[in-house]
N, C-alpha and C. Protein backbone atom coordinates (compact mmCIF):
# COMPACT_ATOMS: atom_id res chain seq x y z
N MET A 1 -32.95 47.91 93.73
CA MET A 1 -33.64 47.60 94.98
C MET A 1 -34.92 46.63 94.22
N ALA A 2 -35.04 45.79 96.12
CA ALA A 2 -36.06 44.62 95.52
C ALA A 2 -37.23 45.57 95.34
N ASP A 3 -38.40 44.25 95.03
CA ASP A 3 -39.66 45.07 94.62
C ASP A 3 -40.47 45.27 95.55
N ILE A 4 -41.22 46.32 95.83
CA ILE A 4 -41.92 46.14 97.79
C ILE A 4 -43.47 45.90 97.44
N ASP A 5 -43.28 44.28 97.49
CA ASP A 5 -45.30 43.63 97.02
C ASP A 5 -46.00 44.27 98.56
N LYS A 6 -47.25 43.74 98.07
CA LYS A 6 -48.06 43.84 99.27
C LYS A 6 -47.97 43.24 100.46
N TYR A 7 -46.72 42.11 100.60
CA TYR A 7 -46.97 40.90 102.30
C TYR A 7 -45.67 41.79 102.27
N THR A 8 -44.50 43.05 101.64
CA THR A 8 -43.82 42.47 101.90
C THR A 8 -43.95 44.53 102.97
N LEU A 9 -44.65 44.59 102.15
CA LEU A 9 -45.32 46.36 102.56
C LEU A 9 -46.26 45.78 104.07
N VAL A 10 -47.03 45.04 104.13
CA VAL A 10 -47.30 44.70 105.50
C VAL A 10 -47.40 44.43 106.33
N SER A 11 -45.60 44.23 106.28
CA SER A 11 -45.02 43.79 107.94
C SER A 11 -43.78 45.28 107.92
N PHE A 12 -43.50 45.91 106.63
CA PHE A 12 -42.62 46.63 106.96
C PHE A 12 -43.69 47.27 107.06
N ALA A 13 -44.59 48.44 106.86
CA ALA A 13 -45.46 49.16 107.22
C ALA A 13 -45.21 49.50 108.66
N PRO A 14 -45.68 49.37 109.92
CA PRO A 14 -45.93 48.90 110.89
C PRO A 14 -44.78 49.70 111.49
N SER A 15 -43.46 48.86 110.97
CA SER A 15 -42.30 49.01 111.52
C SER A 15 -41.69 49.97 111.33
N ILE A 16 -42.28 51.42 110.36
CA ILE A 16 -41.73 52.35 110.32
C ILE A 16 -42.90 53.39 110.76
N VAL A 17 -43.83 52.83 110.74
CA VAL A 17 -44.27 53.33 111.84
C VAL A 17 -44.37 53.88 113.47
N ILE A 18 -43.61 52.80 113.87
CA ILE A 18 -43.49 52.54 115.52
C ILE A 18 -42.24 53.28 115.19
N VAL A 19 -41.47 53.35 114.63
CA VAL A 19 -39.66 54.49 114.81
C VAL A 19 -40.29 55.37 114.55
N ALA A 20 -41.07 55.77 113.78
CA ALA A 20 -40.79 57.46 113.31
C ALA A 20 -42.07 57.36 114.84
N ALA A 21 -42.87 57.28 115.28
CA ALA A 21 -42.99 57.18 116.92
C ALA A 21 -42.81 57.67 117.99
N MET A 22 -41.53 56.65 117.97
CA MET A 22 -40.73 56.83 118.66
C MET A 22 -39.85 57.88 118.42
N ILE A 23 -38.87 58.38 117.49
CA ILE A 23 -38.81 59.92 117.62
C ILE A 23 -39.52 61.12 117.56
N VAL A 24 -40.99 60.98 116.84
CA VAL A 24 -41.65 61.91 117.39
C VAL A 24 -41.85 61.68 118.61
N GLY A 25 -41.59 60.67 119.85
CA GLY A 25 -41.97 60.87 120.69
C GLY A 25 -40.69 60.99 121.85
N THR A 26 -39.94 61.35 121.67
CA THR A 26 -37.83 61.65 121.74
C THR A 26 -38.29 63.36 121.83
N PHE A 27 -38.86 63.40 120.49
CA PHE A 27 -38.44 65.21 121.02
C PHE A 27 -39.83 66.00 121.50
N VAL A 28 -41.20 65.57 121.83
CA VAL A 28 -41.73 66.03 122.49
C VAL A 28 -41.71 65.84 123.77
N ALA A 29 -40.86 64.35 124.46
CA ALA A 29 -40.26 64.87 125.53
C ALA A 29 -39.03 65.56 125.62
N VAL A 30 -38.47 65.82 125.04
CA VAL A 30 -37.22 66.30 125.60
C VAL A 30 -37.66 67.63 125.24
N ARG A 31 -38.90 68.67 124.33
CA ARG A 31 -38.85 69.50 125.05
C ARG A 31 -39.58 70.13 125.88
N PHE A 32 -40.64 68.91 126.36
CA PHE A 32 -41.17 68.39 127.90
C PHE A 32 -40.69 68.39 129.35
N LEU A 33 -39.14 68.01 128.85
CA LEU A 33 -37.86 68.00 130.37
C LEU A 33 -37.56 69.63 129.70
N LYS A 34 -36.71 70.06 128.97
CA LYS A 34 -36.40 71.78 129.09
C LYS A 34 -37.66 72.47 129.60
N LYS A 35 -38.50 72.60 129.13
CA LYS A 35 -39.41 73.65 129.44
C LYS A 35 -39.53 73.48 131.50
N VAL A 36 -40.10 71.93 131.71
CA VAL A 36 -39.68 71.69 133.32
C VAL A 36 -38.93 71.74 134.09
N ILE A 37 -37.93 71.84 133.57
CA ILE A 37 -35.99 71.92 134.33
C ILE A 37 -36.60 73.78 134.07
N ALA A 38 -36.31 74.69 133.08
CA ALA A 38 -36.71 75.53 132.63
C ALA A 38 -37.63 76.35 134.23
N GLN A 39 -38.88 75.92 134.73
CA GLN A 39 -39.48 76.13 135.53
C GLN A 39 -38.60 75.82 136.86
N ASP A 40 -38.33 74.78 136.97
CA ASP A 40 -37.53 74.56 138.28
C ASP A 40 -36.56 75.33 138.64
N ALA A 41 -35.65 75.63 137.45
CA ALA A 41 -34.63 77.06 138.01
C ALA A 41 -35.05 78.41 138.51
N ALA A 42 -36.04 78.14 137.68
CA ALA A 42 -36.64 79.60 138.44
C ALA A 42 -37.55 79.77 139.39
N LYS A 43 -37.89 78.67 139.71
CA LYS A 43 -38.42 77.80 140.92
C LYS A 43 -37.15 78.91 142.09
N ALA A 44 -36.71 77.65 141.47
CA ALA A 44 -35.01 77.68 142.23
C ALA A 44 -34.54 79.20 142.54
N GLY A 45 -34.40 80.11 141.62
CA GLY A 45 -33.59 81.49 141.36
C GLY A 45 -34.89 82.84 142.38
N GLU A 46 -36.33 82.24 142.81
CA GLU A 46 -36.80 83.36 144.02
C GLU A 46 -35.96 83.32 144.86
């Protein structure tokens, strides 16, 4: 495996942070949508 020096980390770390943020954002959005869909279904069933 290649050595990770400071200059490699400077360009690599932001990319990993962005990917992690997108994954977390996706899970948060899916949970939010499930809640909204459940509320809408409850209103439709009234």
